[in-house]
């Protein structure tokens, strides 16, 4: 005869079993909640690290041991002109036309240490050739085994330009100091020559031939005095007054004034002015710069052509050229001609004193212009378009109501 207890569980046993299932379900739910919290924390940390990586001012590319890219941050894309998403999981050789990055990574893999910092010019699809600073470091696991390589890329094109400009400023300053001393030494005997030539001219008033020779001497003395005056102006550090200066109106008034500059009939002047070109500048000094650049453009087009003058306010804030710790907006003024352009060899020396490609000229006009714009905490540069003309680009600080109001 069967035991009834073996066929049917007692209510107590059923209660214990239900309690066990309930405890198991609660433990499972608690485990699931902990798992969800952990996943959420991991995702938060992942997003946080990703945001840090994307916010770095340096381009970062991470490759594995097979040179396959697994990280390509936004800055690296901006520098190289490539879409980061399309570069992931591709080989370095597939992404870049140069083998420079492969060589640097290979050296890091071989030596298992940071590579030296290398500065190279690379070609990009959006900015043309740019100067970059490249370095690498190995990615190591807990066992100190290399599992990849980090490539760091910086765009130093602007930094390099500022370095060249600083070097040029030092060279011009030294030249100016030397030239000022020489000019003063020359001007004293030059005054004596002018005095004696004027006396001699009176004595030879009845001898036209000899009088003409003396007049040539006097004219040469005056020309030398003009050169010395330009030299002293170059050597002198201009101190522009801080005032509201409407560059559009300054340029319009300048071109209307025939006593300041005369535009030949063969020159077609084209204007493209921005709505707001209020600069912090000295109108008298800036007028000298504009006259010099317009004359240069006219002389570059002896057979005529278009002289295009544009003003444009920069949409973004940029670092001031005086290296102070604030940024400001600039007015970009461009003078473009249709001459033969400037050779690359001459382009490097064009702002040097006494450098000129003209038959007549002191070679001081652009040097003086450079000093005036630099004194305004601006920049002046030239873009060479050989055979198509050249354009001089000035950047003059905008009037800033917060910084410039006294």
Protein backbone atom coordinates (compact mmCIF):
# COMPACT_ATOMS: atom_id res chain seq x y z
CA UNK A 1 0.00 0.00 0.00
CA UNK A 2 1.42 3.46 -1.10
CA UNK A 3 2.28 6.13 1.37
CA UNK A 4 0.01 9.12 0.73
CA UNK A 5 2.82 11.57 1.67
CA UNK A 6 4.96 10.31 -1.24
CA UNK A 7 2.29 11.17 -3.81
CA UNK A 8 1.31 14.59 -2.55
CA UNK A 9 3.50 17.30 -1.03
CA UNK A 10 2.39 18.84 2.13
CA UNK A 11 1.37 22.52 2.26
CA UNK A 12 4.52 23.25 4.28
CA UNK A 13 6.79 21.83 1.61
CA UNK A 14 4.99 23.80 -1.09
CA UNK A 15 5.41 26.99 0.93
CA UNK A 16 9.15 26.32 1.34
CA UNK A 17 9.48 25.66 -2.41
CA UNK A 18 7.60 28.88 -3.31
CA UNK A 19 9.79 30.82 -0.92
CA UNK A 20 12.89 29.36 -2.55
CA UNK A 21 11.65 30.34 -6.02
CA UNK A 22 10.85 33.82 -4.78
CA UNK A 23 14.30 34.20 -3.24
CA UNK A 24 15.83 32.96 -6.49
CA UNK A 25 13.80 35.44 -8.53
CA UNK A 26 14.75 38.27 -6.20
CA UNK A 27 18.43 37.32 -6.42
CA UNK A 28 18.15 37.10 -10.21
CA UNK A 29 16.50 40.54 -10.39
CA UNK A 30 19.12 42.00 -8.08
CA UNK A 31 21.86 40.50 -10.22
CA UNK A 32 20.19 41.90 -13.36
CA UNK A 33 19.93 45.34 -11.74
CA UNK A 34 23.60 45.23 -10.74
CA UNK A 35 24.49 44.14 -14.27
CA UNK A 36 22.46 47.01 -15.74
CA UNK A 37 24.12 49.51 -13.36
CA UNK A 38 27.54 48.15 -14.29
CA UNK A 39 26.73 48.36 -18.01
CA UNK A 40 25.47 51.90 -17.55
CA UNK A 41 28.64 52.85 -15.66
CA UNK A 42 30.81 51.24 -18.34
CA UNK A 43 28.88 53.03 -21.08
CA UNK A 44 29.18 56.33 -19.19
CA UNK A 45 32.93 55.86 -18.77
CA UNK A 46 33.24 54.84 -22.41
CA UNK A 47 31.37 57.94 -23.57
CA UNK A 48 33.39 60.10 -21.19
CA UNK A 49 36.68 58.79 -22.54
CA UNK A 50 35.37 59.11 -26.09
CA UNK A 51 34.41 62.75 -25.45
CA UNK A 52 37.86 63.44 -24.03
CA UNK A 53 39.47 61.83 -27.07
CA UNK A 54 37.29 63.85 -29.46
CA UNK A 55 38.00 67.10 -27.58
CA UNK A 56 41.79 66.81 -27.68
CA UNK A 57 43.51 69.59 -29.68
CA UNK A 58 45.94 66.96 -30.97
CA UNK A 59 45.08 64.43 -33.64
CA UNK A 60 45.17 60.89 -32.22
CA UNK A 61 45.29 57.71 -34.31
CA UNK A 62 45.61 54.31 -32.62
CA UNK A 63 46.62 51.22 -34.60
CA UNK A 64 47.00 47.57 -33.59
CA UNK A 65 50.03 45.36 -34.20
CA UNK A 66 48.96 44.87 -37.83
CA UNK A 67 48.72 48.65 -38.49
CA UNK A 68 44.91 48.47 -38.60
CA UNK A 69 43.29 51.69 -37.34
CA UNK A 70 40.91 51.27 -34.40
CA UNK A 71 40.82 54.91 -33.17
CA UNK A 72 40.77 58.05 -35.30
CA UNK A 73 39.65 61.15 -33.41
CA UNK A 74 37.92 64.23 -34.81
CA UNK A 75 41.02 66.44 -34.64
CA UNK A 76 43.00 63.92 -36.68
CA UNK A 77 40.24 64.09 -39.28
CA UNK A 78 40.32 67.90 -39.30
CA UNK A 79 44.11 67.94 -39.75
CA UNK A 80 44.35 65.26 -42.43
CA UNK A 81 41.08 66.09 -44.21
CA UNK A 82 39.83 62.52 -43.85
CA UNK A 83 36.54 61.18 -42.51
CA UNK A 84 37.34 59.36 -39.23
CA UNK A 85 34.49 56.84 -39.64
CA UNK A 86 35.74 55.66 -43.03
CA UNK A 87 39.26 55.16 -41.66
CA UNK A 88 38.33 52.73 -38.87
CA UNK A 89 39.54 49.13 -39.42
CA UNK A 90 41.60 50.16 -42.45
CA UNK A 91 45.36 49.84 -42.82
CA UNK A 92 47.54 52.94 -42.58
CA UNK A 93 48.69 52.27 -46.15
CA UNK A 94 45.06 52.38 -47.34
CA UNK A 95 44.31 55.71 -45.67
CA UNK A 96 47.48 57.74 -46.30
CA UNK A 97 49.35 58.30 -49.55
CA UNK A 98 52.63 58.67 -47.66
CA UNK A 99 54.43 55.78 -45.94
CA UNK A 100 55.79 58.13 -43.25
CA UNK A 101 53.29 56.98 -40.62
CA UNK A 102 54.00 53.30 -41.27
CA UNK A 103 57.73 53.90 -40.88
CA UNK A 104 57.31 55.75 -37.57
CA UNK A 105 54.94 53.06 -36.22
CA UNK A 106 57.35 50.34 -37.36
CA UNK A 107 60.21 51.99 -35.50
CA UNK A 108 58.10 52.29 -32.34
CA UNK A 109 57.10 48.61 -32.60
CA UNK A 110 60.72 47.59 -33.06
CA UNK A 111 62.20 49.71 -30.26
CA UNK A 112 59.13 49.59 -27.94
CA UNK A 113 59.62 53.22 -26.93
CA UNK A 114 58.44 56.67 -27.91
CA UNK A 115 59.62 57.92 -31.28
CA UNK A 116 61.42 61.25 -31.65
CA UNK A 117 59.21 64.20 -32.57
CA UNK A 118 59.28 64.64 -36.34
CA UNK A 119 58.19 67.72 -38.28
CA UNK A 120 57.16 67.05 -41.88
CA UNK A 121 55.14 68.63 -44.64
CA UNK A 122 52.24 66.42 -45.73
CA UNK A 123 49.63 66.80 -48.44
CA UNK A 124 45.95 66.99 -47.47
CA UNK A 125 42.88 66.97 -49.71
CA UNK A 126 41.36 70.11 -48.16
CA UNK A 127 44.24 72.43 -47.15
CA UNK A 128 46.94 71.41 -49.62
CA UNK A 129 50.38 71.02 -48.06
CA UNK A 130 50.54 71.60 -44.30
CA UNK A 131 53.35 71.30 -41.76
CA UNK A 132 52.77 68.70 -39.07
CA UNK A 133 54.47 67.56 -35.87
CA UNK A 134 54.26 63.77 -35.48
CA UNK A 135 55.17 61.49 -32.60
CA UNK A 136 54.27 57.98 -31.49
CA UNK A 137 54.18 55.93 -28.31
CA UNK A 138 53.54 52.21 -27.74
CA UNK A 139 50.31 50.91 -26.20
CA UNK A 140 51.22 48.33 -23.52
CA UNK A 141 49.07 45.83 -21.63
CA UNK A 142 49.42 44.86 -17.96
CA UNK A 143 52.23 42.44 -18.86
CA UNK A 144 54.15 45.24 -20.59
CA UNK A 145 53.47 43.65 -23.95
CA UNK A 146 52.87 46.01 -26.86
CA UNK A 147 49.39 45.69 -28.30
CA UNK A 148 49.34 48.77 -30.50
CA UNK A 149 50.73 52.23 -31.23
CA UNK A 150 49.43 55.76 -30.68
CA UNK A 151 50.11 58.32 -33.41
CA UNK A 152 49.95 61.98 -32.34
CA UNK A 153 49.60 64.60 -35.09
CA UNK A 154 49.64 68.40 -34.70
CA UNK A 155 49.10 71.01 -37.40
CA UNK A 156 51.95 73.50 -36.89
CA UNK A 157 51.51 75.44 -40.14
CA UNK A 158 50.43 78.62 -38.35
CA UNK A 159 53.03 78.11 -35.61
CA UNK A 160 55.73 77.79 -38.25
CA UNK A 161 54.53 80.96 -39.99
CA UNK A 162 54.59 82.86 -36.68
CA UNK A 163 58.12 81.57 -36.04
CA UNK A 164 59.27 82.80 -39.44
CA UNK A 165 57.60 86.14 -38.80
CA UNK A 166 59.28 86.47 -35.38
CA UNK A 167 62.64 85.69 -36.96
CA UNK A 168 61.97 88.28 -39.66
CA UNK A 169 61.00 90.84 -37.00
CA UNK A 170 64.28 90.28 -35.13
CA UNK A 171 66.24 90.62 -38.37
CA UNK A 172 64.41 93.80 -39.34
CA UNK A 173 64.87 95.29 -35.87
CA UNK A 174 68.63 94.69 -35.96
CA UNK A 175 68.84 96.07 -39.50
CA UNK A 176 66.83 99.13 -38.52
CA UNK A 177 69.07 99.93 -35.56
CA UNK A 178 72.18 99.62 -37.72
CA UNK A 179 70.63 101.63 -40.57
CA UNK A 180 69.58 104.46 -38.26
CA UNK A 181 73.16 104.89 -37.04
CA UNK A 182 74.55 104.89 -40.57
CA UNK A 183 71.86 107.31 -41.79
CA UNK A 184 72.74 109.89 -39.15
CA UNK A 185 76.43 109.61 -40.00
CA UNK A 186 75.72 110.14 -43.71
CA UNK A 187 73.24 112.99 -43.30
CA UNK A 188 75.79 115.38 -41.70
CA UNK A 189 78.33 115.42 -44.59
CA UNK A 190 75.41 115.31 -47.04
CA UNK A 191 74.21 118.66 -45.68
CA UNK A 192 77.66 120.13 -46.27
CA UNK A 193 77.69 118.85 -49.85
CA UNK A 194 74.28 120.42 -50.49
CA UNK A 195 75.47 123.74 -49.03
CA UNK A 196 78.68 123.85 -51.10
CA UNK A 197 76.85 122.80 -54.28
CA UNK A 198 74.35 125.64 -53.86
CA UNK A 199 77.24 128.13 -53.42
CA UNK A 200 79.04 126.68 -56.40
CA UNK A 201 75.87 126.93 -58.47
CA UNK A 202 75.75 130.70 -57.83
CA UNK A 203 79.41 131.10 -58.80
CA UNK A 204 78.84 129.19 -62.05
CA UNK A 205 75.68 131.03 -63.02
CA UNK A 206 77.39 132.29 -66.19
CA UNK A 207 78.70 128.84 -67.22
CA UNK A 208 75.65 126.72 -68.22
CA UNK A 209 77.62 123.48 -68.75
CA UNK A 210 79.29 123.50 -65.35
CA UNK A 211 76.10 124.79 -63.73
CA UNK A 212 74.25 121.72 -65.09
CA UNK A 213 76.86 119.43 -63.51
CA UNK A 214 76.35 121.14 -60.16
CA UNK A 215 72.58 120.76 -60.57
CA UNK A 216 73.09 117.00 -61.07
CA UNK A 217 75.10 116.93 -57.83
CA UNK A 218 72.33 118.80 -56.02
CA UNK A 219 69.64 116.46 -57.41
CA UNK A 220 71.63 113.40 -56.33
CA UNK A 221 72.06 114.86 -52.85
CA UNK A 222 68.28 115.40 -52.58
CA UNK A 223 67.65 111.82 -53.73
CA UNK A 224 70.05 110.51 -51.12
CA UNK A 225 68.34 112.65 -48.47
CA UNK A 226 64.99 111.14 -49.52
CA UNK A 227 66.41 107.64 -49.14
CA UNK A 228 67.84 108.50 -45.71
CA UNK A 229 64.47 109.92 -44.63
CA UNK A 230 62.82 106.66 -45.68
CA UNK A 231 65.51 104.74 -43.85
CA UNK A 232 64.95 106.68 -40.64
CA UNK A 233 61.20 106.15 -41.02
CA UNK A 234 61.86 102.41 -41.33
CA UNK A 235 64.14 102.40 -38.28
CA UNK A 236 61.65 104.35 -36.18
CA UNK A 237 59.15 102.22 -34.30
CA UNK A 238 55.70 103.58 -35.21
CA UNK A 239 53.26 104.11 -32.36
CA UNK A 240 49.74 104.06 -33.80
CA UNK A 241 46.99 105.89 -31.98
CA UNK A 242 44.07 103.75 -30.85
CA UNK A 243 40.96 105.05 -32.54
CA UNK A 244 37.92 103.90 -34.46
CA UNK A 245 38.95 103.61 -38.09
CA UNK A 246 36.50 102.72 -40.87
CA UNK A 247 38.75 100.98 -43.39
CA UNK A 248 36.10 101.10 -46.13
CA UNK A 249 35.80 104.88 -45.91
CA UNK A 250 39.59 105.28 -45.63
CA UNK A 251 40.12 103.32 -48.87
CA UNK A 252 37.32 105.14 -50.72
CA UNK A 253 38.63 108.58 -49.71
CA UNK A 254 42.16 107.58 -50.60
CA UNK A 255 41.26 106.52 -54.15
CA UNK A 256 39.22 109.70 -54.68
CA UNK A 257 42.21 111.87 -53.69
CA UNK A 258 44.31 112.27 -56.84
CA UNK A 259 46.98 114.12 -54.86
CA UNK A 260 47.64 110.96 -52.84
CA UNK A 261 47.55 108.43 -55.66
CA UNK A 262 46.57 108.52 -59.33
CA UNK A 263 45.04 105.43 -60.92
CA UNK A 264 46.12 105.07 -64.59
CA UNK A 265 43.44 104.60 -67.25
CA UNK A 266 44.46 100.99 -67.94
CA UNK A 267 43.87 99.95 -64.33
CA UNK A 268 40.36 98.78 -63.45
CA UNK A 269 39.71 99.09 -59.72
CA UNK A 270 37.30 96.52 -58.27
CA UNK A 271 35.96 96.88 -54.71
CA UNK A 272 34.44 94.24 -52.50
CA UNK A 273 33.82 95.72 -49.05
CA UNK A 274 32.24 94.01 -46.05
CA UNK A 275 29.41 95.75 -44.20
CA UNK A 276 31.42 96.28 -41.05
CA UNK A 277 35.13 97.11 -41.34
CA UNK A 278 35.69 99.16 -38.19
CA UNK A 279 39.27 98.62 -37.07
CA UNK A 280 41.38 99.77 -34.16
CA UNK A 281 43.91 101.73 -36.18
CA UNK A 282 45.76 104.92 -36.91
CA UNK A 283 44.25 106.26 -40.15
CA UNK A 284 47.36 108.31 -40.98
CA UNK A 285 49.73 105.34 -40.70
CA UNK A 286 47.35 102.89 -42.41
CA UNK A 287 46.97 105.35 -45.27
CA UNK A 288 50.74 105.13 -45.87
CA UNK A 289 50.48 101.32 -46.06
CA UNK A 290 47.51 101.38 -48.44
CA UNK A 291 49.18 103.93 -50.77
CA UNK A 292 52.33 101.81 -50.92
CA UNK A 293 50.45 98.58 -51.71
CA UNK A 294 48.25 100.25 -54.36
CA UNK A 295 51.33 101.77 -56.05
CA UNK A 296 53.06 98.39 -56.02
CA UNK A 297 50.00 96.78 -57.64
CA UNK A 298 49.87 99.47 -60.33
CA UNK A 299 53.58 99.10 -61.08
CA UNK A 300 53.12 95.32 -61.35
CA UNK A 301 50.64 95.88 -64.22
CA UNK A 302 52.38 98.19 -66.74
CA UNK A 303 49.98 97.05 -69.47
CA UNK A 304 46.92 97.44 -67.26
CA UNK A 305 44.65 94.99 -65.49
CA UNK A 306 42.32 94.57 -62.51
CA UNK A 307 43.25 95.85 -59.08
CA UNK A 308 40.91 94.13 -56.62
CA UNK A 309 40.61 95.55 -53.10
CA UNK A 310 38.54 93.65 -50.55
CA UNK A 311 37.76 93.99 -46.87
CA UNK A 312 36.34 91.13 -44.84
CA UNK A 313 35.65 90.77 -41.13
CA UNK A 314 36.81 87.45 -39.71
CA UNK A 315 33.88 85.38 -38.38
CA UNK A 316 35.96 83.85 -35.59
CA UNK A 317 38.25 85.13 -32.87
CA UNK A 318 41.97 84.64 -33.43
CA UNK A 319 45.06 85.03 -31.30
CA UNK A 320 46.50 88.52 -31.38
CA UNK A 321 49.97 88.69 -32.97
CA UNK A 322 51.41 90.25 -29.81
CA UNK A 323 50.97 86.82 -28.14
CA UNK A 324 48.79 88.21 -25.35
CA UNK A 325 46.42 85.76 -23.74
CA UNK A 326 43.28 86.93 -25.48
CA UNK A 327 41.74 86.56 -28.89
CA UNK A 328 40.06 89.14 -31.07
CA UNK A 329 38.51 89.54 -34.50
CA UNK A 330 40.36 91.02 -37.46
CA UNK A 331 39.58 92.91 -40.65
CA UNK A 332 41.28 91.23 -43.59
CA UNK A 333 42.25 93.72 -46.32
CA UNK A 334 43.45 92.25 -49.61
CA UNK A 335 45.15 93.99 -52.55
CA UNK A 336 45.24 91.67 -55.58
CA UNK A 337 46.83 92.51 -58.94
CA UNK A 338 47.07 90.73 -62.29
CA UNK A 339 50.79 91.14 -62.79
CA UNK A 340 53.42 88.46 -63.26
CA UNK A 341 53.39 87.46 -59.62
CA UNK A 342 56.34 87.08 -57.28
CA UNK A 343 58.91 84.33 -57.60
CA UNK A 344 59.33 82.03 -54.60
CA UNK A 345 62.91 83.23 -54.20
CA UNK A 346 61.86 86.89 -54.01
CA UNK A 347 58.84 86.12 -51.83
CA UNK A 348 61.10 85.16 -48.91
CA UNK A 349 62.90 88.54 -49.05
CA UNK A 350 60.13 90.89 -50.07
CA UNK A 351 59.78 92.54 -46.62
CA UNK A 352 63.55 92.94 -46.16
CA UNK A 353 64.86 96.54 -46.28
CA UNK A 354 66.52 97.62 -49.55
CA UNK A 355 65.16 94.59 -51.40
CA UNK A 356 63.53 95.65 -54.65
CA UNK A 357 63.03 94.27 -58.15
CA UNK A 358 62.37 97.75 -59.59
CA UNK A 359 64.88 99.80 -61.54
CA UNK A 360 64.17 102.79 -59.30
CA UNK A 361 63.21 102.48 -55.67
CA UNK A 362 64.64 102.29 -52.18
CA UNK A 363 63.21 98.87 -51.30
CA UNK A 364 61.90 100.31 -48.03
CA UNK A 365 58.18 100.67 -48.80
CA UNK A 366 57.17 97.13 -47.81
CA UNK A 367 59.52 97.12 -44.82
CA UNK A 368 57.91 100.30 -43.50
CA UNK A 369 54.45 98.87 -44.19
CA UNK A 370 55.40 95.71 -42.30
CA UNK A 371 56.50 97.75 -39.28
CA UNK A 372 53.28 99.79 -39.28
CA UNK A 373 51.00 96.74 -39.46
CA UNK A 374 53.05 94.95 -36.80
CA UNK A 375 52.70 98.00 -34.55
CA UNK A 376 48.92 97.63 -34.96
CA UNK A 377 49.25 94.04 -33.63
CA UNK A 378 48.27 92.82 -37.08
CA UNK A 379 49.94 90.81 -39.83
CA UNK A 380 50.90 91.37 -43.46
CA UNK A 381 51.68 88.58 -45.89
CA UNK A 382 51.84 87.95 -49.62
CA UNK A 383 50.47 85.04 -51.61
CA UNK A 384 52.33 84.26 -54.78
CA UNK A 385 50.42 83.28 -57.89
CA UNK A 386 53.18 83.12 -60.48
CA UNK A 387 51.98 84.32 -63.85
CA UNK A 388 48.59 85.25 -62.42
CA UNK A 389 49.48 88.09 -60.10
CA UNK A 390 50.06 88.48 -56.38
CA UNK A 391 47.93 89.53 -53.47
CA UNK A 392 48.96 91.23 -50.25
CA UNK A 393 46.85 90.24 -47.26
CA UNK A 394 46.62 92.45 -44.19
CA UNK A 395 44.96 91.54 -40.91
CA UNK A 396 44.12 94.56 -38.76
CA UNK A 397 42.41 94.17 -35.35
CA UNK A 398 38.71 95.04 -35.21
CA UNK A 399 37.57 97.67 -32.78
CA UNK A 400 36.69 95.80 -29.61
CA UNK A 401 34.39 97.72 -27.27
CA UNK A 402 35.51 95.64 -24.28
CA UNK A 403 39.25 95.82 -24.94
CA UNK A 404 39.72 99.17 -26.68
CA UNK A 405 37.43 101.56 -24.83
CA UNK A 406 39.39 103.55 -22.30
